[in-house]
């Protein structure tokens, strides 16, 4: 979520600072979120996710601020155990992208130039790391990941910026990133660094990264708790810190416009890919 510190952003840092990840707080009158049934909440809880702040959106249910669970996800049964629930560290899901080295194609569908440029920025940041997984933006055909828009205003005091899911059991990346085109999400003239940083974060989920502070969202967001093992795993990545990890690109709430990989993020990415 974005926590704001000016009259338009209410937050917990000094004035002029800004938190973001996949949602931002709105001071305008918000529409009431659609009710989520107790059966769905129980299914989400059974998967290991916290049910706090669950929202019904197009295509499924939004948890952890930016993870989209559809009906198939809720009905599935995990086959791998969760290996670690502990401190603030780098975490991955049980499923990762396989068949490496591999080029993952990304297509932007129906979005403005700022989202295209933001995608190119995110891709360039990943490709600069020299990993066995690289990304290529394509303009036609079926891509491995499609970035598409949705239009949704504030709900329950927050507005969603983007969402994604985790890799499949067959070793493919999650195939969709959804970016909000509502003007209260990125404004009428979206900042490319801001958009690109959110896309970079969502790609991280698509290839198997949990939030760095999944066990305590309050670390980066100022409030919230453990996001749960979610049935997808929260596996510590060797070589990453066992203490707090400031400025990670996978923190649940990051710092405004231009967040990229820190040193520990690069260690984690190089270890996995």
Protein backbone atom coordinates (compact mmCIF):
# COMPACT_ATOMS: atom_id res chain seq x y z
CA UNK A 1 0.00 0.00 0.00
CA UNK A 2 1.11 3.59 -0.38
CA UNK A 3 1.25 5.43 2.90
CA UNK A 4 1.18 9.16 2.44
CA UNK A 5 2.70 11.92 4.51
CA UNK A 6 1.29 15.08 3.04
CA UNK A 7 -2.36 16.15 3.06
CA UNK A 8 -2.86 13.74 0.18
CA UNK A 9 -0.79 10.95 1.74
CA UNK A 10 -1.22 9.87 5.38
CA UNK A 11 1.69 7.98 6.78
CA UNK A 12 4.26 7.23 9.41
CA UNK A 13 7.43 8.85 8.06
CA UNK A 14 8.55 12.48 8.02
CA UNK A 15 6.73 14.79 5.65
CA UNK A 16 7.91 14.38 2.11
CA UNK A 17 8.53 10.62 2.41
CA UNK A 18 6.40 8.03 0.68
CA UNK A 19 5.63 4.31 0.94
CA UNK A 20 4.31 2.23 -1.95
CA UNK A 21 3.88 -1.30 -3.09
CA UNK A 22 0.62 -2.44 -4.58
CA UNK A 23 -1.93 -0.22 -2.91
CA UNK A 24 -2.12 3.35 -1.80
CA UNK A 25 -4.25 5.04 0.79
CA UNK A 26 -6.94 7.40 -0.42
CA UNK A 27 -8.35 10.41 1.43
CA UNK A 28 -11.28 10.72 -0.93
CA UNK A 29 -14.63 9.07 -0.40
CA UNK A 30 -14.19 5.42 -1.32
CA UNK A 31 -16.70 2.91 -2.57
CA UNK A 32 -17.47 0.05 -0.21
CA UNK A 33 -15.59 -3.14 -1.06
CA UNK A 34 -17.65 -6.10 -2.20
CA UNK A 35 -18.33 -8.51 0.65
CA UNK A 36 -16.23 -11.67 0.74
CA UNK A 37 -18.10 -14.77 1.88
CA UNK A 38 -17.09 -16.72 4.96
CA UNK A 39 -16.48 -19.79 2.79
CA UNK A 40 -13.96 -17.87 0.69
CA UNK A 41 -12.30 -16.39 3.78
CA UNK A 42 -12.00 -19.89 5.23
CA UNK A 43 -10.47 -21.17 1.99
CA UNK A 44 -7.96 -18.29 2.03
CA UNK A 45 -7.15 -19.03 5.67
CA UNK A 46 -6.75 -22.73 4.87
CA UNK A 47 -4.17 -21.77 2.23
CA UNK A 48 -2.16 -20.04 4.95
CA UNK A 49 -2.87 -16.44 3.98
CA UNK A 50 -4.09 -13.86 6.42
CA UNK A 51 -7.71 -12.89 5.79
CA UNK A 52 -7.12 -9.30 6.87
CA UNK A 53 -7.95 -6.87 4.09
CA UNK A 54 -9.04 -9.50 1.56
CA UNK A 55 -10.77 -7.85 -1.41
CA UNK A 56 -12.91 -9.25 -4.21
CA UNK A 57 -11.63 -7.99 -7.56
CA UNK A 58 -11.98 -8.96 -11.19
CA UNK A 59 -10.58 -12.45 -11.62
CA UNK A 60 -10.48 -13.47 -7.97
CA UNK A 61 -9.43 -12.23 -4.55
CA UNK A 62 -6.61 -9.87 -3.61
CA UNK A 63 -4.48 -10.83 -0.59
CA UNK A 64 -1.17 -9.49 0.76
CA UNK A 65 -1.94 -6.24 -1.07
CA UNK A 66 -1.00 -7.51 -4.54
CA UNK A 67 -1.35 -11.31 -4.78
CA UNK A 68 -4.28 -12.47 -6.90
CA UNK A 69 -5.87 -15.79 -5.96
CA UNK A 70 -8.47 -17.20 -8.34
CA UNK A 71 -10.98 -20.00 -7.68
CA UNK A 72 -8.51 -22.63 -8.95
CA UNK A 73 -5.84 -21.39 -6.53
CA UNK A 74 -8.26 -21.62 -3.61
CA UNK A 75 -9.33 -25.14 -4.57
CA UNK A 76 -5.79 -26.49 -5.04
CA UNK A 77 -3.95 -28.52 -2.42
CA UNK A 78 -0.24 -27.80 -1.87
CA UNK A 79 2.10 -30.77 -2.28
CA UNK A 80 5.23 -29.15 -0.81
CA UNK A 81 5.65 -28.14 2.83
CA UNK A 82 6.37 -24.63 3.98
CA UNK A 83 10.02 -24.67 5.05
CA UNK A 84 10.49 -21.49 7.01
CA UNK A 85 8.52 -18.87 8.91
CA UNK A 86 10.99 -16.65 10.69
CA UNK A 87 12.66 -13.28 10.60
CA UNK A 88 12.86 -10.56 7.96
CA UNK A 89 14.77 -12.31 5.17
CA UNK A 90 14.59 -13.02 1.47
CA UNK A 91 11.91 -15.60 0.73
CA UNK A 92 10.79 -17.62 -2.27
CA UNK A 93 7.86 -19.88 -3.01
CA UNK A 94 8.18 -23.66 -3.35
CA UNK A 95 7.56 -23.35 -7.10
CA UNK A 96 10.16 -21.56 -9.22
CA UNK A 97 10.62 -21.00 -12.93
CA UNK A 98 12.45 -24.00 -14.44
CA UNK A 99 14.02 -25.07 -17.76
CA UNK A 100 16.88 -22.60 -17.38
CA UNK A 101 18.47 -20.80 -19.10
CA UNK A 102 15.25 -19.29 -20.31
CA UNK A 103 13.90 -16.16 -21.98
CA UNK A 104 10.55 -15.05 -20.60
CA UNK A 105 8.49 -13.00 -23.01
CA UNK A 106 6.43 -10.09 -21.73
CA UNK A 107 3.65 -8.33 -23.61
CA UNK A 108 1.93 -5.08 -22.64
CA UNK A 109 -1.68 -5.16 -23.75
CA UNK A 110 -3.87 -2.09 -24.07
CA UNK A 111 -1.89 0.21 -21.79
CA UNK A 112 -0.40 3.66 -22.32
CA UNK A 113 3.19 4.48 -23.23
CA UNK A 114 4.13 5.04 -19.58
CA UNK A 115 3.34 1.39 -18.82
CA UNK A 116 5.27 0.25 -21.90
CA UNK A 117 8.26 2.34 -20.87
CA UNK A 118 7.91 1.12 -17.28
CA UNK A 119 7.96 -2.47 -18.51
CA UNK A 120 11.11 -1.82 -20.55
CA UNK A 121 12.72 -0.27 -17.45
CA UNK A 122 11.86 -3.27 -15.27
CA UNK A 123 13.10 -5.70 -17.93
CA UNK A 124 16.38 -3.81 -18.35
CA UNK A 125 17.00 -3.98 -14.60
CA UNK A 126 16.55 -7.75 -14.51
CA UNK A 127 18.57 -8.36 -17.68
CA UNK A 128 21.48 -6.28 -16.37
CA UNK A 129 22.04 -8.88 -13.62
CA UNK A 130 23.29 -11.60 -15.99
CA UNK A 131 20.87 -14.23 -14.68
CA UNK A 132 19.95 -17.53 -16.34
CA UNK A 133 16.47 -16.06 -16.64
CA UNK A 134 16.05 -13.05 -18.94
CA UNK A 135 13.08 -11.07 -20.18
CA UNK A 136 12.09 -9.82 -23.61
CA UNK A 137 9.15 -7.57 -24.44
CA UNK A 138 7.15 -8.69 -27.45
CA UNK A 139 4.41 -6.84 -29.28
CA UNK A 140 2.40 -9.72 -30.72
CA UNK A 141 1.53 -13.33 -30.07
CA UNK A 142 1.10 -15.09 -26.76
CA UNK A 143 3.64 -14.04 -24.16
CA UNK A 144 4.71 -15.83 -21.00
CA UNK A 145 3.58 -12.80 -18.99
CA UNK A 146 0.92 -10.36 -20.16
CA UNK A 147 0.68 -6.96 -18.47
CA UNK A 148 -2.83 -5.63 -18.77
CA UNK A 149 -4.92 -2.92 -17.22
CA UNK A 150 -7.90 -2.79 -14.96
CA UNK A 151 -9.81 0.28 -13.80
CA UNK A 152 -10.73 0.41 -10.14
CA UNK A 153 -11.08 3.33 -7.80
CA UNK A 154 -10.49 3.40 -4.05
CA UNK A 155 -12.17 0.72 -1.98
CA UNK A 156 -12.05 0.36 1.76
CA UNK A 157 -9.62 3.28 2.01
CA UNK A 158 -7.08 1.93 -0.47
CA UNK A 159 -6.52 1.76 -4.19
CA UNK A 160 -4.77 -1.20 -5.78
CA UNK A 161 -1.79 -0.37 -7.99
CA UNK A 162 -1.01 -3.82 -9.38
CA UNK A 163 -1.26 -7.54 -8.72
CA UNK A 164 0.28 -10.84 -9.79
CA UNK A 165 0.62 -14.45 -8.65
CA UNK A 166 3.27 -17.12 -8.18
CA UNK A 167 4.87 -19.67 -10.56
CA UNK A 168 2.95 -22.80 -11.52
CA UNK A 169 3.85 -26.33 -10.45
CA UNK A 170 5.00 -26.96 -14.02
CA UNK A 171 7.77 -24.37 -13.69
CA UNK A 172 6.23 -21.51 -15.65
CA UNK A 173 6.01 -17.93 -14.40
CA UNK A 174 2.63 -16.57 -13.38
CA UNK A 175 1.14 -15.35 -16.62
CA UNK A 176 -0.56 -12.06 -15.77
CA UNK A 177 0.32 -8.75 -14.16
CA UNK A 178 -2.60 -6.36 -13.69
CA UNK A 179 -1.93 -2.61 -13.45
CA UNK A 180 -4.54 -0.09 -12.35
CA UNK A 181 -5.31 2.64 -14.90
CA UNK A 182 -7.53 4.63 -12.56
CA UNK A 183 -6.14 8.21 -12.28
CA UNK A 184 -5.90 7.91 -8.49
CA UNK A 185 -3.43 5.03 -8.88
CA UNK A 186 -0.64 6.67 -10.90
CA UNK A 187 -2.07 10.07 -11.81
CA UNK A 188 -2.91 11.47 -15.21
CA UNK A 189 0.78 11.50 -16.24
CA UNK A 190 2.33 8.36 -14.69
CA UNK A 191 5.97 8.53 -13.66
CA UNK A 192 7.89 5.84 -15.54
CA UNK A 193 10.25 5.08 -12.64
CA UNK A 194 7.26 4.65 -10.34
CA UNK A 195 5.35 2.41 -12.77
CA UNK A 196 8.49 0.45 -13.63
CA UNK A 197 9.30 -0.19 -9.98
CA UNK A 198 5.83 -1.61 -9.36
CA UNK A 199 6.12 -3.83 -12.46
CA UNK A 200 9.58 -4.94 -11.29
CA UNK A 201 8.03 -5.95 -7.96
CA UNK A 202 5.16 -7.82 -9.62
CA UNK A 203 7.57 -9.68 -11.92
CA UNK A 204 9.33 -10.76 -8.74
CA UNK A 205 6.14 -12.47 -7.61
CA UNK A 206 5.69 -14.06 -11.04
CA UNK A 207 9.08 -15.78 -10.74
CA UNK A 208 8.62 -16.91 -7.17
CA UNK A 209 9.49 -14.19 -4.66
CA UNK A 210 7.45 -13.55 -1.56
CA UNK A 211 7.47 -10.19 0.19
CA UNK A 212 10.76 -9.80 2.04
CA UNK A 213 8.81 -8.82 5.15
CA UNK A 214 5.94 -11.26 4.64
CA UNK A 215 6.20 -12.30 8.30
CA UNK A 216 5.57 -8.74 9.49
CA UNK A 217 4.22 -6.19 7.01
CA UNK A 218 4.58 -3.51 9.67
CA UNK A 219 8.31 -3.43 8.89
CA UNK A 220 7.74 -1.54 5.64
CA UNK A 221 4.08 -0.55 5.84
CA UNK A 222 3.83 0.70 9.40
CA UNK A 223 1.00 -1.72 10.19
CA UNK A 224 -0.09 -5.27 9.48
CA UNK A 225 1.29 -8.63 10.51
CA UNK A 226 2.32 -12.03 9.18
CA UNK A 227 1.03 -12.77 5.68
CA UNK A 228 1.15 -16.53 6.28
CA UNK A 229 2.82 -19.41 4.49
CA UNK A 230 -0.03 -19.37 1.95
CA UNK A 231 0.48 -22.99 0.98
CA UNK A 232 3.01 -21.81 -1.60
CA UNK A 233 5.99 -21.79 0.72
CA UNK A 234 8.11 -19.17 2.41
CA UNK A 235 11.57 -20.61 1.91
CA UNK A 236 14.56 -18.66 3.15
CA UNK A 237 17.12 -18.00 0.43
CA UNK A 238 20.66 -18.81 1.63
CA UNK A 239 23.06 -15.90 1.75
CA UNK A 240 20.42 -13.30 2.52
CA UNK A 241 20.24 -11.56 5.88
CA UNK A 242 18.57 -12.91 8.98
CA UNK A 243 17.84 -9.39 10.21
CA UNK A 244 15.90 -6.49 8.77
CA UNK A 245 16.56 -5.80 5.09
CA UNK A 246 15.84 -2.20 4.22
CA UNK A 247 14.99 -1.09 0.67
CA UNK A 248 14.45 -4.57 -0.81
CA UNK A 249 12.49 -4.49 -4.06
CA UNK A 250 10.17 -7.12 -2.57
CA UNK A 251 9.22 -5.30 0.62
CA UNK A 252 5.45 -5.21 1.02
CA UNK A 253 5.61 -1.40 0.99
CA UNK A 254 8.47 0.34 -0.79
CA UNK A 255 9.67 3.90 -1.08
CA UNK A 256 7.79 5.79 -3.72
CA UNK A 257 8.99 6.29 -7.23
CA UNK A 258 12.23 4.53 -8.01
CA UNK A 259 13.02 1.34 -6.10
CA UNK A 260 15.24 -1.34 -7.59
CA UNK A 261 17.36 -4.24 -6.35
CA UNK A 262 19.54 -3.82 -3.28
CA UNK A 263 22.65 -5.94 -2.66
CA UNK A 264 20.71 -8.71 -0.90
CA UNK A 265 18.13 -8.81 -3.69
CA UNK A 266 20.92 -9.46 -6.17
CA UNK A 267 22.26 -12.26 -3.97
CA UNK A 268 18.80 -13.82 -3.85
CA UNK A 269 18.23 -13.53 -7.60
CA UNK A 270 21.65 -14.96 -8.41
CA UNK A 271 21.13 -17.86 -6.01
CA UNK A 272 17.81 -18.86 -7.61
CA UNK A 273 18.46 -17.90 -11.24
